[in-house]
Amino acid sequence: MSPGMPSPEQMMGMIAATTEDEIDCGQAFELMHQYADLVDSGQDAAALLPTVRKHIEICKDCRQELEALLLAIHAGD
């Protein structure tokens, strides 16, 4: 198994926790700028875009993308 890859047990848990209202990485990426702007402006991004919040909680790559985007926003301040 590659480093950083979930174990088979973790993958089964993730599959079992899947719900119909989930989005994939592409959909999350499309909303990432909007989500980051909401976070940056102090609004409740999680309440306004709950599917994005849920996705970034379970997806390391998208979470890192959001963190990088927020850093870029703050670098422009």
PDB file of N, CA and C in Angstrom:
ATOM      1  N   MET A   1       0.845  -1.178   0.000  1.00  0.00           N
ATOM      2  CA  MET A   1       0.000   0.000   0.000  1.00  0.00           C
ATOM      3  C   MET A   1       0.890   1.241   0.000  1.00  0.00           C
ATOM      4  N   SER A   2       0.518   2.248  -0.774  1.00  0.00           N
ATOM      5  CA  SER A   2       1.290   3.484  -0.873  1.00  0.00           C
ATOM      6  C   SER A   2       1.105   4.330   0.376  1.00  0.00           C
ATOM      7  N   PRO A   3       2.156   5.072   0.757  1.00  0.00           N
ATOM      8  CA  PRO A   3       2.008   5.975   1.905  1.00  0.00           C
ATOM      9  C   PRO A   3       0.897   6.988   1.634  1.00  0.00           C
ATOM     10  N   GLY A   4       0.112   7.263   2.637  1.00  0.00           N
ATOM     11  CA  GLY A   4      -0.969   8.224   2.489  1.00  0.00           C
ATOM     12  C   GLY A   4      -2.260   7.627   1.966  1.00  0.00           C
ATOM     13  N   MET A   5      -2.190   6.408   1.475  1.00  0.00           N
ATOM     14  CA  MET A   5      -3.392   5.743   0.975  1.00  0.00           C
ATOM     15  C   MET A   5      -4.150   5.143   2.157  1.00  0.00           C
ATOM     16  N   PRO A   6      -5.474   5.250   2.129  1.00  0.00           N
ATOM     17  CA  PRO A   6      -6.239   4.639   3.218  1.00  0.00           C
ATOM     18  C   PRO A   6      -6.143   3.116   3.161  1.00  0.00           C
ATOM     19  N   SER A   7      -6.239   2.517   4.321  1.00  0.00           N
ATOM     20  CA  SER A   7      -6.224   1.058   4.390  1.00  0.00           C
ATOM     21  C   SER A   7      -7.544   0.530   3.833  1.00  0.00           C
ATOM     22  N   PRO A   8      -7.597  -0.751   3.506  1.00  0.00           N
ATOM     23  CA  PRO A   8      -8.870  -1.312   3.032  1.00  0.00           C
ATOM     24  C   PRO A   8     -10.009  -1.102   4.035  1.00  0.00           C
ATOM     25  N   GLU A   9      -9.697  -1.191   5.312  1.00  0.00           N
ATOM     26  CA  GLU A   9     -10.722  -0.980   6.336  1.00  0.00           C
ATOM     27  C   GLU A   9     -11.217   0.464   6.319  1.00  0.00           C
ATOM     28  N   GLN A  10     -10.282   1.410   6.162  1.00  0.00           N
ATOM     29  CA  GLN A  10     -10.664   2.819   6.094  1.00  0.00           C
ATOM     30  C   GLN A  10     -11.510   3.083   4.852  1.00  0.00           C
ATOM     31  N   MET A  11     -11.129   2.466   3.745  1.00  0.00           N
ATOM     32  CA  MET A  11     -11.893   2.649   2.508  1.00  0.00           C
ATOM     33  C   MET A  11     -13.310   2.108   2.663  1.00  0.00           C
ATOM     34  N   MET A  12     -13.446   0.978   3.310  1.00  0.00           N
ATOM     35  CA  MET A  12     -14.781   0.408   3.527  1.00  0.00           C
ATOM     36  C   MET A  12     -15.614   1.339   4.407  1.00  0.00           C
ATOM     37  N   GLY A  13     -14.982   1.932   5.406  1.00  0.00           N
ATOM     38  CA  GLY A  13     -15.683   2.886   6.259  1.00  0.00           C
ATOM     39  C   GLY A  13     -16.129   4.109   5.484  1.00  0.00           C
ATOM     40  N   MET A  14     -15.269   4.576   4.583  1.00  0.00           N
ATOM     41  CA  MET A  14     -15.612   5.733   3.760  1.00  0.00           C
ATOM     42  C   MET A  14     -16.774   5.403   2.827  1.00  0.00           C
ATOM     43  N   ILE A  15     -16.748   4.223   2.259  1.00  0.00           N
ATOM     44  CA  ILE A  15     -17.829   3.807   1.366  1.00  0.00           C
ATOM     45  C   ILE A  15     -19.139   3.691   2.142  1.00  0.00           C
ATOM     46  N   ALA A  16     -19.066   3.124   3.327  1.00  0.00           N
ATOM     47  CA  ALA A  16     -20.268   2.959   4.145  1.00  0.00           C
ATOM     48  C   ALA A  16     -20.852   4.303   4.565  1.00  0.00           C
ATOM     49  N   ALA A  17     -20.006   5.315   4.698  1.00  0.00           N
ATOM     50  CA  ALA A  17     -20.464   6.634   5.139  1.00  0.00           C
ATOM     51  C   ALA A  17     -20.938   7.515   3.984  1.00  0.00           C
ATOM     52  N   THR A  18     -20.871   7.012   2.767  1.00  0.00           N
ATOM     53  CA  THR A  18     -21.269   7.786   1.595  1.00  0.00           C
ATOM     54  C   THR A  18     -22.764   8.093   1.631  1.00  0.00           C
ATOM     55  N   THR A  19     -23.093   9.330   1.260  1.00  0.00           N
ATOM     56  CA  THR A  19     -24.497   9.732   1.184  1.00  0.00           C
ATOM     57  C   THR A  19     -24.784  10.275  -0.214  1.00  0.00           C
ATOM     58  N   GLU A  20     -26.055  10.414  -0.538  1.00  0.00           N
ATOM     59  CA  GLU A  20     -26.448  10.848  -1.875  1.00  0.00           C
ATOM     60  C   GLU A  20     -26.099  12.298  -2.172  1.00  0.00           C
ATOM     61  N   ASP A  21     -25.928  13.118  -1.146  1.00  0.00           N
ATOM     62  CA  ASP A  21     -25.682  14.540  -1.375  1.00  0.00           C
ATOM     63  C   ASP A  21     -24.194  14.887  -1.442  1.00  0.00           C
ATOM     64  N   GLU A  22     -23.337  13.900  -1.579  1.00  0.00           N
ATOM     65  CA  GLU A  22     -21.906  14.161  -1.656  1.00  0.00           C
ATOM     66  C   GLU A  22     -21.507  14.653  -3.038  1.00  0.00           C
ATOM     67  N   ILE A  23     -20.398  15.379  -3.068  1.00  0.00           N
ATOM     68  CA  ILE A  23     -19.852  15.849  -4.333  1.00  0.00           C
ATOM     69  C   ILE A  23     -18.470  15.249  -4.520  1.00  0.00           C
ATOM     70  N   ASP A  24     -18.013  15.238  -5.765  1.00  0.00           N
ATOM     71  CA  ASP A  24     -16.679  14.703  -6.034  1.00  0.00           C
ATOM     72  C   ASP A  24     -15.663  15.845  -6.067  1.00  0.00           C
ATOM     73  N   CYS A  25     -14.417  15.501  -6.296  1.00  0.00           N
ATOM     74  CA  CYS A  25     -13.348  16.505  -6.286  1.00  0.00           C
ATOM     75  C   CYS A  25     -13.570  17.594  -7.333  1.00  0.00           C
ATOM     76  N   GLY A  26     -14.029  17.213  -8.504  1.00  0.00           N
ATOM     77  CA  GLY A  26     -14.268  18.202  -9.553  1.00  0.00           C
ATOM     78  C   GLY A  26     -15.332  19.210  -9.156  1.00  0.00           C
ATOM     79  N   GLN A  27     -16.401  18.707  -8.570  1.00  0.00           N
ATOM     80  CA  GLN A  27     -17.471  19.594  -8.119  1.00  0.00           C
ATOM     81  C   GLN A  27     -16.992  20.476  -6.968  1.00  0.00           C
ATOM     82  N   ALA A  28     -16.224  19.895  -6.062  1.00  0.00           N
ATOM     83  CA  ALA A  28     -15.689  20.677  -4.943  1.00  0.00           C
ATOM     84  C   ALA A  28     -14.753  21.761  -5.462  1.00  0.00           C
ATOM     85  N   PHE A  29     -13.930  21.413  -6.440  1.00  0.00           N
ATOM     86  CA  PHE A  29     -12.991  22.379  -6.992  1.00  0.00           C
ATOM     87  C   PHE A  29     -13.719  23.557  -7.631  1.00  0.00           C
ATOM     88  N   GLU A  30     -14.836  23.279  -8.301  1.00  0.00           N
ATOM     89  CA  GLU A  30     -15.617  24.345  -8.934  1.00  0.00           C
ATOM     90  C   GLU A  30     -16.144  25.349  -7.907  1.00  0.00           C
ATOM     91  N   LEU A  31     -16.386  24.895  -6.696  1.00  0.00           N
ATOM     92  CA  LEU A  31     -16.929  25.758  -5.645  1.00  0.00           C
ATOM     93  C   LEU A  31     -15.867  26.251  -4.665  1.00  0.00           C
ATOM     94  N   MET A  32     -14.625  25.814  -4.850  1.00  0.00           N
ATOM     95  CA  MET A  32     -13.572  26.091  -3.876  1.00  0.00           C
ATOM     96  C   MET A  32     -13.305  27.586  -3.698  1.00  0.00           C
ATOM     97  N   HIS A  33     -13.278  28.354  -4.795  1.00  0.00           N
ATOM     98  CA  HIS A  33     -13.026  29.798  -4.674  1.00  0.00           C
ATOM     99  C   HIS A  33     -14.145  30.472  -3.887  1.00  0.00           C
ATOM    100  N   GLN A  34     -15.364  30.084  -4.182  1.00  0.00           N
ATOM    101  CA  GLN A  34     -16.504  30.651  -3.461  1.00  0.00           C
ATOM    102  C   GLN A  34     -16.411  30.297  -1.973  1.00  0.00           C
ATOM    103  N   TYR A  35     -16.090  29.052  -1.679  1.00  0.00           N
ATOM    104  CA  TYR A  35     -15.963  28.605  -0.292  1.00  0.00           C
ATOM    105  C   TYR A  35     -14.852  29.389   0.415  1.00  0.00           C
ATOM    106  N   ALA A  36     -13.708  29.520  -0.249  1.00  0.00           N
ATOM    107  CA  ALA A  36     -12.578  30.243   0.340  1.00  0.00           C
ATOM    108  C   ALA A  36     -12.931  31.707   0.584  1.00  0.00           C
ATOM    109  N   ASP A  37     -13.638  32.327  -0.349  1.00  0.00           N
ATOM    110  CA  ASP A  37     -14.053  33.721  -0.166  1.00  0.00           C
ATOM    111  C   ASP A  37     -14.981  33.866   1.039  1.00  0.00           C
ATOM    112  N   LEU A  38     -15.876  32.904   1.213  1.00  0.00           N
ATOM    113  CA  LEU A  38     -16.777  32.934   2.367  1.00  0.00           C
ATOM    114  C   LEU A  38     -15.989  32.803   3.668  1.00  0.00           C
ATOM    115  N   VAL A  39     -15.056  31.865   3.698  1.00  0.00           N
ATOM    116  CA  VAL A  39     -14.220  31.682   4.888  1.00  0.00           C
ATOM    117  C   VAL A  39     -13.444  32.964   5.172  1.00  0.00           C
ATOM    118  N   ASP A  40     -12.834  33.513   4.141  1.00  0.00           N
ATOM    119  CA  ASP A  40     -12.007  34.711   4.294  1.00  0.00           C
ATOM    120  C   ASP A  40     -12.815  35.905   4.785  1.00  0.00           C
ATOM    121  N   SER A  41     -14.068  35.994   4.376  1.00  0.00           N
ATOM    122  CA  SER A  41     -14.896  37.131   4.782  1.00  0.00           C
ATOM    123  C   SER A  41     -15.577  36.909   6.133  1.00  0.00           C
ATOM    124  N   GLY A  42     -15.309  35.759   6.759  1.00  0.00           N
ATOM    125  CA  GLY A  42     -15.858  35.491   8.082  1.00  0.00           C
ATOM    126  C   GLY A  42     -17.265  34.922   8.072  1.00  0.00           C
ATOM    127  N   GLN A  43     -17.770  34.596   6.898  1.00  0.00           N
ATOM    128  CA  GLN A  43     -19.102  34.007   6.816  1.00  0.00           C
ATOM    129  C   GLN A  43     -19.030  32.515   7.136  1.00  0.00           C
ATOM    130  N   ASP A  44     -20.174  31.941   7.414  1.00  0.00           N
ATOM    131  CA  ASP A  44     -20.244  30.524   7.760  1.00  0.00           C
ATOM    132  C   ASP A  44     -20.284  29.684   6.480  1.00  0.00           C
ATOM    133  N   ALA A  45     -19.103  29.467   5.908  1.00  0.00           N
ATOM    134  CA  ALA A  45     -18.996  28.728   4.651  1.00  0.00           C
ATOM    135  C   ALA A  45     -19.558  27.319   4.785  1.00  0.00           C
ATOM    136  N   ALA A  46     -19.341  26.700   5.930  1.00  0.00           N
ATOM    137  CA  ALA A  46     -19.817  25.330   6.143  1.00  0.00           C
ATOM    138  C   ALA A  46     -21.336  25.250   6.074  1.00  0.00           C
ATOM    139  N   ALA A  47     -22.012  26.259   6.596  1.00  0.00           N
ATOM    140  CA  ALA A  47     -23.478  26.266   6.556  1.00  0.00           C
ATOM    141  C   ALA A  47     -23.989  26.628   5.163  1.00  0.00           C
ATOM    142  N   LEU A  48     -23.269  27.506   4.484  1.00  0.00           N
ATOM    143  CA  LEU A  48     -23.712  27.958   3.167  1.00  0.00           C
ATOM    144  C   LEU A  48     -23.398  26.952   2.062  1.00  0.00           C
ATOM    145  N   LEU A  49     -22.307  26.225   2.206  1.00  0.00           N
ATOM    146  CA  LEU A  49     -21.908  25.216   1.218  1.00  0.00           C
ATOM    147  C   LEU A  49     -21.562  23.910   1.944  1.00  0.00           C
ATOM    148  N   PRO A  50     -22.567  23.265   2.535  1.00  0.00           N
ATOM    149  CA  PRO A  50     -22.289  22.077   3.355  1.00  0.00           C
ATOM    150  C   PRO A  50     -21.689  20.904   2.587  1.00  0.00           C
ATOM    151  N   THR A  51     -22.003  20.786   1.309  1.00  0.00           N
ATOM    152  CA  THR A  51     -21.427  19.664   0.558  1.00  0.00           C
ATOM    153  C   THR A  51     -19.928  19.854   0.351  1.00  0.00           C
ATOM    154  N   VAL A  52     -19.502  21.099   0.184  1.00  0.00           N
ATOM    155  CA  VAL A  52     -18.066  21.373   0.059  1.00  0.00           C
ATOM    156  C   VAL A  52     -17.388  21.094   1.397  1.00  0.00           C
ATOM    157  N   ARG A  53     -17.987  21.569   2.475  1.00  0.00           N
ATOM    158  CA  ARG A  53     -17.423  21.321   3.804  1.00  0.00           C
ATOM    159  C   ARG A  53     -17.245  19.828   4.045  1.00  0.00           C
ATOM    160  N   LYS A  54     -18.270  19.069   3.732  1.00  0.00           N
ATOM    161  CA  LYS A  54     -18.198  17.628   3.963  1.00  0.00           C
ATOM    162  C   LYS A  54     -17.092  17.008   3.107  1.00  0.00           C
ATOM    163  N   HIS A  55     -16.993  17.457   1.868  1.00  0.00           N
ATOM    164  CA  HIS A  55     -15.977  16.895   0.981  1.00  0.00           C
ATOM    165  C   HIS A  55     -14.569  17.204   1.483  1.00  0.00           C
ATOM    166  N   ILE A  56     -14.319  18.439   1.890  1.00  0.00           N
ATOM    167  CA  ILE A  56     -12.960  18.769   2.334  1.00  0.00           C
ATOM    168  C   ILE A  56     -12.615  18.095   3.660  1.00  0.00           C
ATOM    169  N   GLU A  57     -13.619  17.700   4.411  1.00  0.00           N
ATOM    170  CA  GLU A  57     -13.347  16.950   5.643  1.00  0.00           C
ATOM    171  C   GLU A  57     -12.804  15.559   5.333  1.00  0.00           C
ATOM    172  N   ILE A  58     -13.246  14.981   4.220  1.00  0.00           N
ATOM    173  CA  ILE A  58     -12.838  13.606   3.919  1.00  0.00           C
ATOM    174  C   ILE A  58     -11.779  13.506   2.825  1.00  0.00           C
ATOM    175  N   CYS A  59     -11.526  14.606   2.117  1.00  0.00           N
ATOM    176  CA  CYS A  59     -10.588  14.556   0.989  1.00  0.00           C
ATOM    177  C   CYS A  59      -9.348  15.401   1.294  1.00  0.00           C
ATOM    178  N   LYS A  60      -8.253  14.725   1.518  1.00  0.00           N
ATOM    179  CA  LYS A  60      -7.001  15.403   1.857  1.00  0.00           C
ATOM    180  C   LYS A  60      -6.549  16.346   0.741  1.00  0.00           C
ATOM    181  N   ASP A  61      -6.654  15.916  -0.505  1.00  0.00           N
ATOM    182  CA  ASP A  61      -6.200  16.746  -1.622  1.00  0.00           C
ATOM    183  C   ASP A  61      -6.998  18.049  -1.716  1.00  0.00           C
ATOM    184  N   CYS A  62      -8.299  17.953  -1.592  1.00  0.00           N
ATOM    185  CA  CYS A  62      -9.127  19.159  -1.674  1.00  0.00           C
ATOM    186  C   CYS A  62      -8.935  20.050  -0.451  1.00  0.00           C
ATOM    187  N   ARG A  63      -8.719  19.442   0.694  1.00  0.00           N
ATOM    188  CA  ARG A  63      -8.444  20.221   1.903  1.00  0.00           C
ATOM    189  C   ARG A  63      -7.145  21.006   1.728  1.00  0.00           C
ATOM    190  N   GLN A  64      -6.136  20.364   1.153  1.00  0.00           N
ATOM    191  CA  GLN A  64      -4.867  21.048   0.901  1.00  0.00           C
ATOM    192  C   GLN A  64      -5.049  22.153  -0.138  1.00  0.00           C
ATOM    193  N   GLU A  65      -5.881  21.916  -1.122  1.00  0.00           N
ATOM    194  CA  GLU A  65      -6.168  22.933  -2.136  1.00  0.00           C
ATOM    195  C   GLU A  65      -6.827  24.154  -1.491  1.00  0.00           C
ATOM    196  N   LEU A  66      -7.772  23.908  -0.597  1.00  0.00           N
ATOM    197  CA  LEU A  66      -8.430  25.013   0.108  1.00  0.00           C
ATOM    198  C   LEU A  66      -7.423  25.780   0.955  1.00  0.00           C
ATOM    199  N   GLU A  67      -6.572  25.075   1.669  1.00  0.00           N
ATOM    200  CA  GLU A  67      -5.559  25.734   2.499  1.00  0.00           C
ATOM    201  C   GLU A  67      -4.632  26.598   1.645  1.00  0.00           C
ATOM    202  N   ALA A  68      -4.231  26.081   0.490  1.00  0.00           N
ATOM    203  CA  ALA A  68      -3.359  26.844  -0.408  1.00  0.00           C
ATOM    204  C   ALA A  68      -4.085  28.071  -0.950  1.00  0.00           C
ATOM    205  N   LEU A  69      -5.340  27.908  -1.269  1.00  0.00           N
ATOM    206  CA  LEU A  69      -6.132  29.023  -1.777  1.00  0.00           C
ATOM    207  C   LEU A  69      -6.280  30.110  -0.717  1.00  0.00           C
ATOM    208  N   LEU A  70      -6.536  29.707   0.514  1.00  0.00           N
ATOM    209  CA  LEU A  70      -6.652  30.685   1.601  1.00  0.00           C
ATOM    210  C   LEU A  70      -5.325  31.406   1.837  1.00  0.00           C
ATOM    211  N   LEU A  71      -4.220  30.683   1.738  1.00  0.00           N
ATOM    212  CA  LEU A  71      -2.905  31.323   1.872  1.00  0.00           C
ATOM    213  C   LEU A  71      -2.683  32.338   0.755  1.00  0.00           C
ATOM    214  N   ALA A  72      -3.090  31.979  -0.450  1.00  0.00           N
ATOM    215  CA  ALA A  72      -2.937  32.892  -1.588  1.00  0.00           C
ATOM    216  C   ALA A  72      -3.790  34.141  -1.406  1.00  0.00           C
ATOM    217  N   ILE A  73      -4.990  33.964  -0.884  1.00  0.00           N
ATOM    218  CA  ILE A  73      -5.869  35.115  -0.630  1.00  0.00           C
ATOM    219  C   ILE A  73      -5.215  36.044   0.385  1.00  0.00           C
ATOM    220  N   HIS A  74      -4.663  35.470   1.441  1.00  0.00           N
ATOM    221  CA  HIS A  74      -4.043  36.283   2.491  1.00  0.00           C
ATOM    222  C   HIS A  74      -2.722  36.895   2.041  1.00  0.00           C
ATOM    223  N   ALA A  75      -2.055  36.265   1.097  1.00  0.00           N
ATOM    224  CA  ALA A  75      -0.802  36.818   0.583  1.00  0.00           C
ATOM    225  C   ALA A  75      -1.062  38.114  -0.178  1.00  0.00           C
ATOM    226  N   GLY A  76      -2.260  38.238  -0.716  1.00  0.00           N
ATOM    227  CA  GLY A  76      -2.622  39.439  -1.459  1.00  0.00           C
ATOM    228  C   GLY A  76      -3.067  40.586  -0.574  1.00  0.00           C
ATOM    229  N   ASP A  77      -3.184  40.338   0.729  1.00  0.00           N
ATOM    230  CA  ASP A  77      -3.625  41.399   1.660  1.00  0.00           C
ATOM    231  C   ASP A  77      -2.560  42.447   1.856  1.00  0.00           C
TER     232      ASP A  77
END
